[in-house]
Amino acid sequence: MSATMERHVLTLTRVLDAPPALVFKAWTDPALAARWWGPRGFSVLECQIDLRPSGAYRKVMRSPEGTLHRLRGVYREIVTPHRLVLTFAWEDEQGRLGPETLLTLTLAEQDGGRTAMTLHQAGFETISARDAHEGGWSSALERLAELVTQSQ
């Protein structure tokens, strides 16, 4: 995996041993997304996905310490099985949204049924917010890689 970080942008790339259709499904099927979403040790308590342009998603995760983390957003672009563009914002206990970022996921088929995946998240307000997401995404993407490899 490689990571490129500009001031307010995070880009992670990874090659997964699974075809793009399976990786796309792992991102968009609530049952599969709930199995890998979040850093290692986190569990998904709620995973709602309305996969259509302007459709919303919402996820609630619990950390190993028991803290709840809520996020939600809206799908802006869906090109099955190659591209997702969605907003991403943390939600507080009262349902108020924090700063919104824009996440673009690109899946490209490689030889041997593999997928080159690029996650690009832009619009972070601070470097520390970007860096926190880099750590969380890196761990979550390891879980994703394990899931899609086992699901074939």
N, C-alpha and C. Protein backbone atom coordinates (compact mmCIF):
# COMPACT_ATOMS: atom_id res chain seq x y z
N MET A 1 0.85 -1.17 0.00
CA MET A 1 0.00 0.00 0.00
C MET A 1 0.90 1.23 0.00
N SER A 2 0.43 2.27 -0.68
CA SER A 2 1.15 3.53 -0.64
C SER A 2 0.18 4.63 -0.25
N ALA A 3 0.70 5.68 0.30
CA ALA A 3 -0.12 6.82 0.71
C ALA A 3 0.54 8.10 0.24
N THR A 4 -0.25 8.99 -0.34
CA THR A 4 0.21 10.30 -0.72
C THR A 4 -0.68 11.30 -0.01
N MET A 5 -0.09 12.24 0.72
CA MET A 5 -0.90 13.19 1.47
C MET A 5 -0.46 14.61 1.16
N GLU A 6 -1.35 15.38 0.56
CA GLU A 6 -1.15 16.80 0.45
C GLU A 6 -1.76 17.41 1.71
N ARG A 7 -1.72 18.69 1.82
CA ARG A 7 -2.17 19.35 3.04
C ARG A 7 -3.58 18.94 3.46
N HIS A 8 -4.54 18.95 2.56
CA HIS A 8 -5.93 18.66 2.91
C HIS A 8 -6.50 17.48 2.14
N VAL A 9 -5.62 16.64 1.63
CA VAL A 9 -6.03 15.52 0.79
C VAL A 9 -5.33 14.25 1.26
N LEU A 10 -6.07 13.17 1.22
CA LEU A 10 -5.51 11.85 1.53
C LEU A 10 -5.75 10.95 0.34
N THR A 11 -4.71 10.27 -0.13
CA THR A 11 -4.85 9.31 -1.21
C THR A 11 -4.16 8.02 -0.78
N LEU A 12 -4.91 6.94 -0.78
CA LEU A 12 -4.38 5.61 -0.46
C LEU A 12 -4.61 4.70 -1.66
N THR A 13 -3.61 3.90 -1.98
CA THR A 13 -3.76 2.93 -3.06
C THR A 13 -3.43 1.55 -2.54
N ARG A 14 -4.09 0.58 -3.13
CA ARG A 14 -3.87 -0.80 -2.71
C ARG A 14 -4.27 -1.71 -3.86
N VAL A 15 -3.55 -2.82 -4.03
CA VAL A 15 -3.94 -3.84 -5.00
C VAL A 15 -4.53 -5.00 -4.21
N LEU A 16 -5.77 -5.36 -4.56
CA LEU A 16 -6.49 -6.42 -3.85
C LEU A 16 -6.59 -7.66 -4.72
N ASP A 17 -6.51 -8.82 -4.10
CA ASP A 17 -6.60 -10.09 -4.81
C ASP A 17 -8.06 -10.49 -4.99
N ALA A 18 -8.81 -9.65 -5.68
CA ALA A 18 -10.22 -9.90 -5.95
C ALA A 18 -10.63 -9.02 -7.12
N PRO A 19 -11.63 -9.43 -7.89
CA PRO A 19 -12.08 -8.62 -9.03
C PRO A 19 -12.83 -7.37 -8.57
N PRO A 20 -12.86 -6.33 -9.41
CA PRO A 20 -13.54 -5.09 -9.05
C PRO A 20 -15.00 -5.28 -8.61
N ALA A 21 -15.71 -6.19 -9.23
CA ALA A 21 -17.12 -6.39 -8.86
C ALA A 21 -17.27 -6.80 -7.40
N LEU A 22 -16.38 -7.66 -6.92
CA LEU A 22 -16.45 -8.10 -5.52
C LEU A 22 -16.03 -6.96 -4.58
N VAL A 23 -15.02 -6.21 -4.93
CA VAL A 23 -14.58 -5.10 -4.10
C VAL A 23 -15.68 -4.04 -4.04
N PHE A 24 -16.29 -3.74 -5.17
CA PHE A 24 -17.39 -2.78 -5.22
C PHE A 24 -18.54 -3.24 -4.33
N LYS A 25 -18.86 -4.52 -4.41
CA LYS A 25 -19.94 -5.07 -3.58
C LYS A 25 -19.61 -4.94 -2.10
N ALA A 26 -18.35 -5.15 -1.74
CA ALA A 26 -17.95 -5.03 -0.33
C ALA A 26 -18.13 -3.60 0.17
N TRP A 27 -18.02 -2.62 -0.71
CA TRP A 27 -18.24 -1.22 -0.35
C TRP A 27 -19.72 -0.86 -0.30
N THR A 28 -20.55 -1.57 -1.06
CA THR A 28 -21.93 -1.10 -1.26
C THR A 28 -23.01 -2.01 -0.71
N ASP A 29 -22.68 -3.22 -0.33
CA ASP A 29 -23.65 -4.14 0.26
C ASP A 29 -23.56 -3.98 1.79
N PRO A 30 -24.66 -3.59 2.44
CA PRO A 30 -24.58 -3.34 3.89
C PRO A 30 -24.04 -4.52 4.70
N ALA A 31 -24.42 -5.73 4.34
CA ALA A 31 -23.96 -6.89 5.11
C ALA A 31 -22.44 -7.07 4.99
N LEU A 32 -21.91 -6.84 3.79
CA LEU A 32 -20.46 -6.97 3.61
C LEU A 32 -19.72 -5.77 4.20
N ALA A 33 -20.23 -4.57 3.98
CA ALA A 33 -19.57 -3.38 4.51
C ALA A 33 -19.46 -3.44 6.03
N ALA A 34 -20.47 -3.98 6.67
CA ALA A 34 -20.46 -4.09 8.13
C ALA A 34 -19.37 -5.03 8.64
N ARG A 35 -18.88 -5.90 7.77
CA ARG A 35 -17.86 -6.86 8.19
C ARG A 35 -16.44 -6.29 8.17
N TRP A 36 -16.22 -5.19 7.44
CA TRP A 36 -14.86 -4.67 7.35
C TRP A 36 -14.74 -3.19 7.72
N TRP A 37 -15.82 -2.46 7.72
CA TRP A 37 -15.75 -1.01 7.89
C TRP A 37 -15.16 -0.66 9.26
N GLY A 38 -14.29 0.27 9.28
CA GLY A 38 -13.69 0.75 10.53
C GLY A 38 -12.35 0.09 10.81
N PRO A 39 -11.58 0.71 11.67
CA PRO A 39 -10.28 0.15 12.04
C PRO A 39 -10.43 -1.20 12.73
N ARG A 40 -9.37 -1.98 12.70
CA ARG A 40 -9.35 -3.28 13.36
C ARG A 40 -9.76 -3.10 14.83
N GLY A 41 -10.63 -3.98 15.29
CA GLY A 41 -11.11 -3.91 16.65
C GLY A 41 -12.45 -3.19 16.78
N PHE A 42 -12.82 -2.41 15.78
CA PHE A 42 -14.11 -1.73 15.78
C PHE A 42 -15.18 -2.69 15.29
N SER A 43 -16.40 -2.52 15.77
CA SER A 43 -17.53 -3.29 15.26
C SER A 43 -18.58 -2.32 14.72
N VAL A 44 -19.28 -2.76 13.69
CA VAL A 44 -20.32 -1.93 13.07
C VAL A 44 -21.65 -2.34 13.68
N LEU A 45 -22.32 -1.38 14.29
CA LEU A 45 -23.63 -1.62 14.90
C LEU A 45 -24.76 -1.32 13.95
N GLU A 46 -24.52 -0.41 13.02
CA GLU A 46 -25.55 0.00 12.07
C GLU A 46 -24.88 0.31 10.74
N CYS A 47 -25.47 -0.19 9.65
CA CYS A 47 -24.93 0.07 8.32
C CYS A 47 -26.11 0.19 7.35
N GLN A 48 -26.45 1.43 7.03
CA GLN A 48 -27.54 1.70 6.09
C GLN A 48 -26.94 2.25 4.81
N ILE A 49 -27.35 1.70 3.67
CA ILE A 49 -26.83 2.15 2.38
C ILE A 49 -27.98 2.23 1.40
N ASP A 50 -28.23 3.43 0.86
CA ASP A 50 -29.20 3.65 -0.20
C ASP A 50 -28.40 3.98 -1.45
N LEU A 51 -28.01 2.93 -2.17
CA LEU A 51 -27.05 3.06 -3.26
C LEU A 51 -27.72 3.58 -4.53
N ARG A 52 -27.76 4.89 -4.63
CA ARG A 52 -28.27 5.58 -5.82
C ARG A 52 -27.75 7.01 -5.74
N PRO A 53 -27.62 7.70 -6.86
CA PRO A 53 -27.21 9.10 -6.79
C PRO A 53 -28.17 9.87 -5.88
N SER A 54 -27.64 10.63 -4.98
CA SER A 54 -28.37 11.38 -3.94
C SER A 54 -28.89 10.49 -2.82
N GLY A 55 -28.60 9.19 -2.88
CA GLY A 55 -28.96 8.28 -1.80
C GLY A 55 -28.01 8.46 -0.63
N ALA A 56 -28.50 8.23 0.57
CA ALA A 56 -27.70 8.44 1.77
C ALA A 56 -27.16 7.12 2.31
N TYR A 57 -26.12 7.24 3.10
CA TYR A 57 -25.62 6.10 3.87
C TYR A 57 -25.36 6.59 5.29
N ARG A 58 -25.38 5.66 6.21
CA ARG A 58 -25.07 5.97 7.61
C ARG A 58 -24.47 4.73 8.26
N LYS A 59 -23.43 4.94 9.04
CA LYS A 59 -22.79 3.85 9.75
C LYS A 59 -22.55 4.28 11.20
N VAL A 60 -22.72 3.32 12.10
CA VAL A 60 -22.41 3.54 13.51
C VAL A 60 -21.44 2.43 13.91
N MET A 61 -20.29 2.83 14.45
CA MET A 61 -19.25 1.88 14.86
C MET A 61 -19.01 2.03 16.35
N ARG A 62 -18.56 0.95 16.95
CA ARG A 62 -18.14 0.99 18.36
C ARG A 62 -16.66 0.64 18.41
N SER A 63 -15.90 1.48 19.11
CA SER A 63 -14.47 1.24 19.28
C SER A 63 -14.28 0.14 20.32
N PRO A 64 -13.07 -0.42 20.41
CA PRO A 64 -12.81 -1.43 21.44
C PRO A 64 -13.06 -0.91 22.86
N GLU A 65 -12.95 0.41 23.05
CA GLU A 65 -13.19 1.01 24.37
C GLU A 65 -14.67 1.27 24.62
N GLY A 66 -15.51 1.05 23.62
CA GLY A 66 -16.95 1.23 23.77
C GLY A 66 -17.50 2.55 23.27
N THR A 67 -16.64 3.41 22.73
CA THR A 67 -17.08 4.70 22.20
C THR A 67 -17.79 4.51 20.86
N LEU A 68 -18.93 5.19 20.69
CA LEU A 68 -19.66 5.14 19.43
C LEU A 68 -19.14 6.21 18.48
N HIS A 69 -18.97 5.84 17.21
CA HIS A 69 -18.54 6.75 16.15
C HIS A 69 -19.58 6.66 15.05
N ARG A 70 -20.21 7.80 14.72
CA ARG A 70 -21.27 7.84 13.73
C ARG A 70 -20.80 8.65 12.53
N LEU A 71 -21.15 8.19 11.34
CA LEU A 71 -20.83 8.94 10.14
C LEU A 71 -21.95 8.77 9.13
N ARG A 72 -22.04 9.75 8.26
CA ARG A 72 -23.04 9.65 7.20
C ARG A 72 -22.62 10.50 6.03
N GLY A 73 -23.30 10.26 4.93
CA GLY A 73 -23.02 11.02 3.73
C GLY A 73 -24.02 10.69 2.65
N VAL A 74 -23.72 11.22 1.46
CA VAL A 74 -24.60 11.07 0.31
C VAL A 74 -23.76 10.63 -0.89
N TYR A 75 -24.31 9.69 -1.66
CA TYR A 75 -23.64 9.24 -2.88
C TYR A 75 -23.85 10.30 -3.97
N ARG A 76 -22.76 10.73 -4.56
CA ARG A 76 -22.85 11.72 -5.64
C ARG A 76 -22.71 11.07 -7.01
N GLU A 77 -21.91 10.00 -7.08
CA GLU A 77 -21.69 9.33 -8.36
C GLU A 77 -21.48 7.85 -8.10
N ILE A 78 -22.12 7.03 -8.95
CA ILE A 78 -21.99 5.57 -8.84
C ILE A 78 -21.78 5.02 -10.24
N VAL A 79 -20.63 4.40 -10.47
CA VAL A 79 -20.34 3.74 -11.74
C VAL A 79 -19.95 2.32 -11.40
N THR A 80 -20.90 1.42 -11.43
CA THR A 80 -20.68 0.02 -11.03
C THR A 80 -19.83 -0.68 -12.06
N PRO A 81 -18.79 -1.40 -11.72
CA PRO A 81 -18.14 -1.58 -10.42
C PRO A 81 -16.83 -0.81 -10.31
N HIS A 82 -16.78 0.40 -10.87
CA HIS A 82 -15.48 1.07 -10.98
C HIS A 82 -15.30 2.36 -10.19
N ARG A 83 -16.40 2.98 -9.75
CA ARG A 83 -16.21 4.30 -9.14
C ARG A 83 -17.37 4.64 -8.22
N LEU A 84 -17.02 5.19 -7.06
CA LEU A 84 -17.99 5.75 -6.12
C LEU A 84 -17.49 7.13 -5.71
N VAL A 85 -18.39 8.09 -5.66
CA VAL A 85 -18.08 9.41 -5.13
C VAL A 85 -19.14 9.71 -4.08
N LEU A 86 -18.70 10.04 -2.87
CA LEU A 86 -19.64 10.25 -1.78
C LEU A 86 -19.11 11.28 -0.80
N THR A 87 -20.03 11.94 -0.12
CA THR A 87 -19.64 12.84 0.95
C THR A 87 -19.42 12.00 2.21
N PHE A 88 -18.66 12.55 3.15
CA PHE A 88 -18.29 11.83 4.37
C PHE A 88 -18.24 12.85 5.49
N ALA A 89 -19.05 12.64 6.53
CA ALA A 89 -19.02 13.55 7.68
C ALA A 89 -19.33 12.77 8.95
N TRP A 90 -18.59 13.10 10.00
CA TRP A 90 -18.86 12.52 11.31
C TRP A 90 -20.09 13.19 11.89
N GLU A 91 -20.83 12.46 12.68
CA GLU A 91 -22.08 12.95 13.27
C GLU A 91 -21.95 12.88 14.79
N ASP A 92 -22.38 13.93 15.49
CA ASP A 92 -22.31 13.89 16.95
C ASP A 92 -23.56 13.21 17.52
N GLU A 93 -23.63 13.11 18.85
CA GLU A 93 -24.74 12.40 19.50
C GLU A 93 -26.09 13.03 19.23
N GLN A 94 -26.11 14.31 18.89
CA GLN A 94 -27.37 14.99 18.59
C GLN A 94 -27.71 14.97 17.11
N GLY A 95 -26.90 14.28 16.30
CA GLY A 95 -27.15 14.18 14.87
C GLY A 95 -26.60 15.32 14.05
N ARG A 96 -25.83 16.21 14.68
CA ARG A 96 -25.22 17.33 13.95
C ARG A 96 -23.97 16.84 13.22
N LEU A 97 -23.83 17.29 11.99
CA LEU A 97 -22.69 16.88 11.18
C LEU A 97 -21.48 17.78 11.42
N GLY A 98 -20.32 17.14 11.41
CA GLY A 98 -19.06 17.86 11.46
C GLY A 98 -18.65 18.25 10.05
N PRO A 99 -17.40 18.66 9.88
CA PRO A 99 -16.91 19.05 8.56
C PRO A 99 -17.06 17.91 7.55
N GLU A 100 -17.45 18.27 6.34
CA GLU A 100 -17.68 17.28 5.29
C GLU A 100 -16.47 17.18 4.38
N THR A 101 -16.11 15.95 4.02
CA THR A 101 -15.08 15.71 3.02
C THR A 101 -15.72 14.99 1.85
N LEU A 102 -14.98 14.91 0.75
CA LEU A 102 -15.46 14.21 -0.44
C LEU A 102 -14.55 13.02 -0.69
N LEU A 103 -15.14 11.83 -0.73
CA LEU A 103 -14.39 10.60 -0.92
C LEU A 103 -14.66 10.07 -2.33
N THR A 104 -13.60 9.78 -3.05
CA THR A 104 -13.71 9.19 -4.38
C THR A 104 -12.97 7.85 -4.36
N LEU A 105 -13.68 6.80 -4.69
CA LEU A 105 -13.10 5.46 -4.75
C LEU A 105 -13.06 5.03 -6.21
N THR A 106 -11.87 4.61 -6.66
CA THR A 106 -11.70 4.15 -8.03
C THR A 106 -11.18 2.72 -7.99
N LEU A 107 -11.82 1.84 -8.77
CA LEU A 107 -11.44 0.43 -8.85
C LEU A 107 -11.11 0.09 -10.29
N ALA A 108 -9.89 -0.36 -10.54
CA ALA A 108 -9.45 -0.70 -11.89
C ALA A 108 -9.01 -2.16 -11.93
N GLU A 109 -9.50 -2.88 -12.92
CA GLU A 109 -9.15 -4.29 -13.05
C GLU A 109 -7.70 -4.44 -13.50
N GLN A 110 -7.02 -5.40 -12.89
CA GLN A 110 -5.66 -5.73 -13.28
C GLN A 110 -5.62 -7.19 -13.72
N ASP A 111 -4.50 -7.56 -14.32
CA ASP A 111 -4.33 -8.95 -14.75
C ASP A 111 -4.55 -9.91 -13.59
N GLY A 112 -5.11 -11.06 -13.90
CA GLY A 112 -5.29 -12.09 -12.90
C GLY A 112 -6.47 -11.86 -11.98
N GLY A 113 -7.42 -11.02 -12.39
CA GLY A 113 -8.61 -10.81 -11.59
C GLY A 113 -8.38 -9.98 -10.34
N ARG A 114 -7.35 -9.16 -10.35
CA ARG A 114 -7.05 -8.31 -9.20
C ARG A 114 -7.63 -6.91 -9.41
N THR A 115 -7.63 -6.12 -8.35
CA THR A 115 -8.17 -4.77 -8.41
C THR A 115 -7.18 -3.76 -7.87
N ALA A 116 -6.91 -2.74 -8.65
CA ALA A 116 -6.15 -1.58 -8.17
C ALA A 116 -7.18 -0.61 -7.61
N MET A 117 -7.11 -0.38 -6.31
CA MET A 117 -8.08 0.48 -5.63
C MET A 117 -7.38 1.77 -5.20
N THR A 118 -8.01 2.90 -5.51
CA THR A 118 -7.52 4.19 -5.06
C THR A 118 -8.63 4.87 -4.27
N LEU A 119 -8.31 5.24 -3.04
CA LEU A 119 -9.22 6.00 -2.18
C LEU A 119 -8.65 7.41 -2.08
N HIS A 120 -9.44 8.38 -2.49
CA HIS A 120 -9.03 9.79 -2.47
C HIS A 120 -10.06 10.54 -1.63
N GLN A 121 -9.61 11.16 -0.55
CA GLN A 121 -10.52 11.90 0.33
C GLN A 121 -9.98 13.32 0.45
N ALA A 122 -10.81 14.29 0.07
CA ALA A 122 -10.38 15.69 0.01
C ALA A 122 -11.27 16.58 0.86
N GLY A 123 -10.68 17.68 1.30
CA GLY A 123 -11.44 18.69 2.02
C GLY A 123 -11.26 18.67 3.53
N PHE A 124 -10.21 18.03 4.01
CA PHE A 124 -9.97 18.02 5.46
C PHE A 124 -9.68 19.44 5.94
N GLU A 125 -10.20 19.77 7.10
CA GLU A 125 -9.96 21.10 7.66
C GLU A 125 -8.59 21.23 8.29
N THR A 126 -8.04 20.12 8.79
CA THR A 126 -6.74 20.17 9.44
C THR A 126 -5.88 18.98 9.01
N ILE A 127 -4.60 19.14 9.19
CA ILE A 127 -3.66 18.05 8.91
C ILE A 127 -3.90 16.90 9.89
N SER A 128 -4.20 17.22 11.14
CA SER A 128 -4.43 16.15 12.12
C SER A 128 -5.67 15.33 11.77
N ALA A 129 -6.70 15.97 11.24
CA ALA A 129 -7.89 15.22 10.80
C ALA A 129 -7.54 14.30 9.64
N ARG A 130 -6.77 14.81 8.69
CA ARG A 130 -6.32 13.98 7.57
C ARG A 130 -5.50 12.80 8.06
N ASP A 131 -4.58 13.05 8.98
CA ASP A 131 -3.72 11.99 9.48
C ASP A 131 -4.49 10.94 10.27
N ALA A 132 -5.50 11.37 11.02
CA ALA A 132 -6.32 10.41 11.76
C ALA A 132 -7.08 9.51 10.79
N HIS A 133 -7.57 10.08 9.71
CA HIS A 133 -8.27 9.27 8.71
C HIS A 133 -7.30 8.31 8.01
N GLU A 134 -6.08 8.75 7.78
CA GLU A 134 -5.10 7.85 7.14
C GLU A 134 -4.91 6.59 7.98
N GLY A 135 -4.78 6.75 9.29
CA GLY A 135 -4.61 5.59 10.16
C GLY A 135 -5.85 4.71 10.18
N GLY A 136 -7.01 5.32 10.28
CA GLY A 136 -8.25 4.55 10.29
C GLY A 136 -8.50 3.82 8.98
N TRP A 137 -8.32 4.53 7.87
CA TRP A 137 -8.52 3.89 6.58
C TRP A 137 -7.51 2.77 6.34
N SER A 138 -6.27 2.97 6.70
CA SER A 138 -5.25 1.93 6.48
C SER A 138 -5.66 0.64 7.17
N SER A 139 -6.11 0.73 8.40
CA SER A 139 -6.54 -0.45 9.14
C SER A 139 -7.80 -1.06 8.52
N ALA A 140 -8.76 -0.21 8.16
CA ALA A 140 -10.01 -0.71 7.56
C ALA A 140 -9.73 -1.38 6.21
N LEU A 141 -8.84 -0.81 5.42
CA LEU A 141 -8.55 -1.40 4.11
C LEU A 141 -7.84 -2.75 4.24
N GLU A 142 -7.08 -2.94 5.31
CA GLU A 142 -6.52 -4.27 5.58
C GLU A 142 -7.65 -5.27 5.81
N ARG A 143 -8.65 -4.86 6.57
CA ARG A 143 -9.81 -5.73 6.83
C ARG A 143 -10.57 -6.00 5.53
N LEU A 144 -10.72 -4.98 4.69
CA LEU A 144 -11.37 -5.16 3.39
C LEU A 144 -10.63 -6.18 2.54
N ALA A 145 -9.30 -6.06 2.48
CA ALA A 145 -8.48 -6.99 1.69
C ALA A 145 -8.68 -8.42 2.18
N GLU A 146 -8.71 -8.61 3.49
CA GLU A 146 -8.93 -9.95 4.04
C GLU A 146 -10.31 -10.47 3.66
N LEU A 147 -11.33 -9.63 3.75
CA LEU A 147 -12.69 -10.05 3.44
C LEU A 147 -12.82 -10.48 1.98
N VAL A 148 -12.35 -9.65 1.04
CA VAL A 148 -12.55 -9.99 -0.37
C VAL A 148 -11.71 -11.18 -0.78
N THR A 149 -10.55 -11.37 -0.16
CA THR A 149 -9.73 -12.53 -0.48
C THR A 149 -10.43 -13.81 -0.01
N GLN A 150 -11.04 -13.76 1.16
CA GLN A 150 -11.75 -14.93 1.73
C GLN A 150 -13.07 -15.19 1.01
N SER A 151 -13.66 -14.17 0.39
CA SER A 151 -14.99 -14.29 -0.20
C SER A 151 -15.00 -14.88 -1.60
N GLN A 152 -13.84 -15.14 -2.16
CA GLN A 152 -13.80 -15.66 -3.53
C GLN A 152 -14.06 -17.13 -3.58
